[in-house]
Amino acid sequence: MIEVVLNDRLGKKVRVKCNEDDTIGDLKKLVAAQTGTRADKIRIQKWYNIYKNHITLKDYEIHDGMGLELYYN
C-alpha cells in the first residue's frame, strides 16, 4: 500500500492510498471518488509526462509519498 499526493495547483491537494500494481485508471477512479470529479475528466501528469490509463504505478516508478499533478479536462 502506497500513498500518492496529487496537487491541482488550485488549492486542492488529495492524498490517495493505492497499491503499486494499480493502473493509472484505477488511481483516477480513487481520486474521482474523493474529489467528486468524473474520472474521465481527470488528467494525471508529472512535468510534461502525461500518464496513460492502462500502465501501472510500478511501471511509472511511482513510490510512496510521491507528488503528482492533477488537471481537469
N, C-alpha and C. Protein backbone atom coordinates (compact mmCIF):
# COMPACT_ATOMS: atom_id res chain seq x y z
N MET A 1 0.84 -1.18 0.00
CA MET A 1 0.00 0.00 0.00
C MET A 1 0.89 1.24 0.00
N ILE A 2 0.66 2.12 -0.95
CA ILE A 2 1.41 3.37 -1.01
C ILE A 2 0.44 4.54 -0.95
N GLU A 3 0.95 5.71 -0.60
CA GLU A 3 0.13 6.91 -0.58
C GLU A 3 0.71 7.89 -1.60
N VAL A 4 -0.14 8.37 -2.49
CA VAL A 4 0.25 9.30 -3.53
C VAL A 4 -0.45 10.63 -3.27
N VAL A 5 0.28 11.73 -3.41
CA VAL A 5 -0.27 13.07 -3.20
C VAL A 5 -0.47 13.71 -4.57
N LEU A 6 -1.69 14.18 -4.84
CA LEU A 6 -2.00 14.85 -6.10
C LEU A 6 -2.39 16.28 -5.82
N ASN A 7 -1.75 17.22 -6.51
CA ASN A 7 -1.99 18.64 -6.31
C ASN A 7 -2.53 19.22 -7.61
N ASP A 8 -3.67 19.93 -7.54
CA ASP A 8 -4.24 20.50 -8.76
C ASP A 8 -3.84 21.96 -8.96
N ARG A 9 -3.00 22.50 -8.06
CA ARG A 9 -2.48 23.87 -8.13
C ARG A 9 -3.57 24.93 -8.05
N LEU A 10 -4.76 24.53 -7.66
CA LEU A 10 -5.85 25.48 -7.45
C LEU A 10 -6.25 25.50 -5.98
N GLY A 11 -5.43 24.90 -5.13
CA GLY A 11 -5.70 24.87 -3.71
C GLY A 11 -6.17 23.54 -3.19
N LYS A 12 -6.33 22.56 -4.05
CA LYS A 12 -6.79 21.24 -3.62
C LYS A 12 -5.64 20.25 -3.70
N LYS A 13 -5.36 19.61 -2.58
CA LYS A 13 -4.33 18.58 -2.52
C LYS A 13 -4.99 17.31 -2.01
N VAL A 14 -4.90 16.24 -2.78
CA VAL A 14 -5.59 15.00 -2.48
C VAL A 14 -4.57 13.92 -2.16
N ARG A 15 -4.77 13.20 -1.05
CA ARG A 15 -3.92 12.06 -0.69
C ARG A 15 -4.73 10.79 -0.96
N VAL A 16 -4.15 9.87 -1.74
CA VAL A 16 -4.84 8.65 -2.13
C VAL A 16 -3.98 7.45 -1.76
N LYS A 17 -4.59 6.47 -1.10
CA LYS A 17 -3.89 5.22 -0.81
C LYS A 17 -4.25 4.20 -1.89
N CYS A 18 -3.22 3.56 -2.46
CA CYS A 18 -3.44 2.59 -3.52
C CYS A 18 -2.29 1.59 -3.51
N ASN A 19 -2.40 0.58 -4.36
CA ASN A 19 -1.35 -0.43 -4.49
C ASN A 19 -0.44 -0.09 -5.66
N GLU A 20 0.80 -0.58 -5.61
CA GLU A 20 1.73 -0.31 -6.70
C GLU A 20 1.33 -0.99 -8.00
N ASP A 21 0.56 -2.07 -7.91
CA ASP A 21 0.15 -2.75 -9.14
C ASP A 21 -1.18 -2.22 -9.69
N ASP A 22 -1.72 -1.15 -9.10
CA ASP A 22 -2.90 -0.49 -9.67
C ASP A 22 -2.49 0.29 -10.92
N THR A 23 -3.44 0.44 -11.83
CA THR A 23 -3.17 1.23 -13.03
C THR A 23 -3.47 2.71 -12.76
N ILE A 24 -3.06 3.55 -13.68
CA ILE A 24 -3.37 4.98 -13.58
C ILE A 24 -4.89 5.19 -13.65
N GLY A 25 -5.58 4.37 -14.42
CA GLY A 25 -7.04 4.43 -14.48
C GLY A 25 -7.68 4.15 -13.14
N ASP A 26 -7.14 3.17 -12.38
CA ASP A 26 -7.63 2.89 -11.03
C ASP A 26 -7.39 4.08 -10.11
N LEU A 27 -6.22 4.69 -10.24
CA LEU A 27 -5.89 5.86 -9.43
C LEU A 27 -6.85 7.01 -9.72
N LYS A 28 -7.19 7.19 -10.99
CA LYS A 28 -8.15 8.23 -11.36
C LYS A 28 -9.52 7.99 -10.73
N LYS A 29 -9.94 6.73 -10.66
CA LYS A 29 -11.23 6.41 -10.04
C LYS A 29 -11.21 6.72 -8.55
N LEU A 30 -10.09 6.45 -7.88
CA LEU A 30 -9.97 6.76 -6.45
C LEU A 30 -9.99 8.28 -6.22
N VAL A 31 -9.28 9.00 -7.08
CA VAL A 31 -9.27 10.47 -6.98
C VAL A 31 -10.66 11.03 -7.25
N ALA A 32 -11.35 10.48 -8.24
CA ALA A 32 -12.71 10.94 -8.57
C ALA A 32 -13.65 10.73 -7.40
N ALA A 33 -13.49 9.62 -6.68
CA ALA A 33 -14.35 9.36 -5.53
C ALA A 33 -14.11 10.37 -4.42
N GLN A 34 -12.88 10.84 -4.26
CA GLN A 34 -12.58 11.80 -3.20
C GLN A 34 -12.93 13.23 -3.58
N THR A 35 -12.75 13.59 -4.85
CA THR A 35 -12.95 14.98 -5.26
C THR A 35 -14.35 15.27 -5.78
N GLY A 36 -15.06 14.23 -6.24
CA GLY A 36 -16.39 14.46 -6.82
C GLY A 36 -16.33 14.78 -8.30
N THR A 37 -15.16 14.69 -8.92
CA THR A 37 -14.99 14.93 -10.35
C THR A 37 -15.07 13.60 -11.09
N ARG A 38 -15.59 13.59 -12.30
CA ARG A 38 -15.66 12.35 -13.07
C ARG A 38 -14.26 11.89 -13.45
N ALA A 39 -14.04 10.58 -13.42
CA ALA A 39 -12.71 10.01 -13.67
C ALA A 39 -12.22 10.29 -15.09
N ASP A 40 -13.13 10.37 -16.05
CA ASP A 40 -12.70 10.63 -17.43
C ASP A 40 -12.33 12.09 -17.68
N LYS A 41 -12.61 12.97 -16.71
CA LYS A 41 -12.25 14.38 -16.82
C LYS A 41 -10.95 14.71 -16.10
N ILE A 42 -10.27 13.69 -15.56
CA ILE A 42 -9.05 13.90 -14.80
C ILE A 42 -7.84 13.52 -15.64
N ARG A 43 -6.80 14.34 -15.59
CA ARG A 43 -5.52 14.04 -16.25
C ARG A 43 -4.43 14.10 -15.19
N ILE A 44 -3.62 13.05 -15.10
CA ILE A 44 -2.54 12.98 -14.13
C ILE A 44 -1.22 13.05 -14.88
N GLN A 45 -0.34 13.94 -14.43
CA GLN A 45 0.95 14.07 -15.10
C GLN A 45 2.02 14.50 -14.12
N LYS A 46 3.25 14.37 -14.55
CA LYS A 46 4.41 14.83 -13.79
C LYS A 46 5.26 15.58 -14.79
N TRP A 47 5.47 16.88 -14.56
CA TRP A 47 6.12 17.77 -15.51
C TRP A 47 5.37 17.71 -16.84
N TYR A 48 6.00 17.20 -17.89
CA TYR A 48 5.31 17.16 -19.18
C TYR A 48 4.90 15.74 -19.57
N ASN A 49 5.10 14.77 -18.69
CA ASN A 49 4.72 13.39 -18.98
C ASN A 49 3.28 13.14 -18.55
N ILE A 50 2.40 12.95 -19.52
CA ILE A 50 1.01 12.64 -19.22
C ILE A 50 0.90 11.13 -19.09
N TYR A 51 0.39 10.66 -17.95
CA TYR A 51 0.33 9.23 -17.67
C TYR A 51 -0.86 8.58 -18.36
N LYS A 52 -0.63 7.43 -18.97
CA LYS A 52 -1.66 6.68 -19.69
C LYS A 52 -2.43 5.79 -18.72
N ASN A 53 -3.71 5.55 -19.00
CA ASN A 53 -4.61 4.84 -18.08
C ASN A 53 -4.26 3.37 -17.86
N HIS A 54 -3.70 2.69 -18.84
CA HIS A 54 -3.54 1.24 -18.75
C HIS A 54 -2.20 0.82 -18.16
N ILE A 55 -1.32 1.75 -17.81
CA ILE A 55 0.01 1.42 -17.29
C ILE A 55 -0.01 1.52 -15.77
N THR A 56 0.69 0.58 -15.10
CA THR A 56 0.65 0.53 -13.64
C THR A 56 1.56 1.59 -13.02
N LEU A 57 1.32 1.84 -11.73
CA LEU A 57 2.14 2.80 -10.99
C LEU A 57 3.57 2.29 -10.86
N LYS A 58 3.73 0.99 -10.73
CA LYS A 58 5.08 0.39 -10.61
C LYS A 58 5.87 0.63 -11.90
N ASP A 59 5.22 0.53 -13.05
CA ASP A 59 5.91 0.75 -14.32
C ASP A 59 6.36 2.20 -14.48
N TYR A 60 5.59 3.12 -13.93
CA TYR A 60 5.97 4.54 -13.96
C TYR A 60 6.90 4.91 -12.80
N GLU A 61 7.24 3.93 -11.95
CA GLU A 61 8.11 4.13 -10.79
C GLU A 61 7.54 5.19 -9.85
N ILE A 62 6.24 5.10 -9.59
CA ILE A 62 5.57 5.97 -8.62
C ILE A 62 5.65 5.27 -7.27
N HIS A 63 6.27 5.94 -6.30
CA HIS A 63 6.53 5.35 -5.00
C HIS A 63 5.71 6.04 -3.91
N ASP A 64 5.86 5.56 -2.68
CA ASP A 64 5.12 6.08 -1.54
C ASP A 64 5.50 7.53 -1.28
N GLY A 65 4.49 8.39 -1.13
CA GLY A 65 4.71 9.80 -0.82
C GLY A 65 5.01 10.67 -2.02
N MET A 66 4.98 10.12 -3.21
CA MET A 66 5.31 10.88 -4.41
C MET A 66 4.20 11.87 -4.76
N GLY A 67 4.57 13.03 -5.25
CA GLY A 67 3.62 14.06 -5.64
C GLY A 67 3.42 14.09 -7.14
N LEU A 68 2.16 14.12 -7.57
CA LEU A 68 1.82 14.20 -8.99
C LEU A 68 0.94 15.42 -9.22
N GLU A 69 0.80 15.81 -10.47
CA GLU A 69 -0.02 16.96 -10.83
C GLU A 69 -1.38 16.48 -11.34
N LEU A 70 -2.42 17.16 -10.89
CA LEU A 70 -3.79 16.80 -11.22
C LEU A 70 -4.40 17.92 -12.06
N TYR A 71 -4.88 17.58 -13.24
CA TYR A 71 -5.51 18.57 -14.13
C TYR A 71 -6.89 18.07 -14.50
N TYR A 72 -7.76 19.03 -14.84
CA TYR A 72 -9.13 18.72 -15.24
C TYR A 72 -9.32 19.05 -16.70
N ASN A 73 -9.82 18.10 -17.50
CA ASN A 73 -10.08 18.32 -18.93
C ASN A 73 -11.47 18.83 -19.15
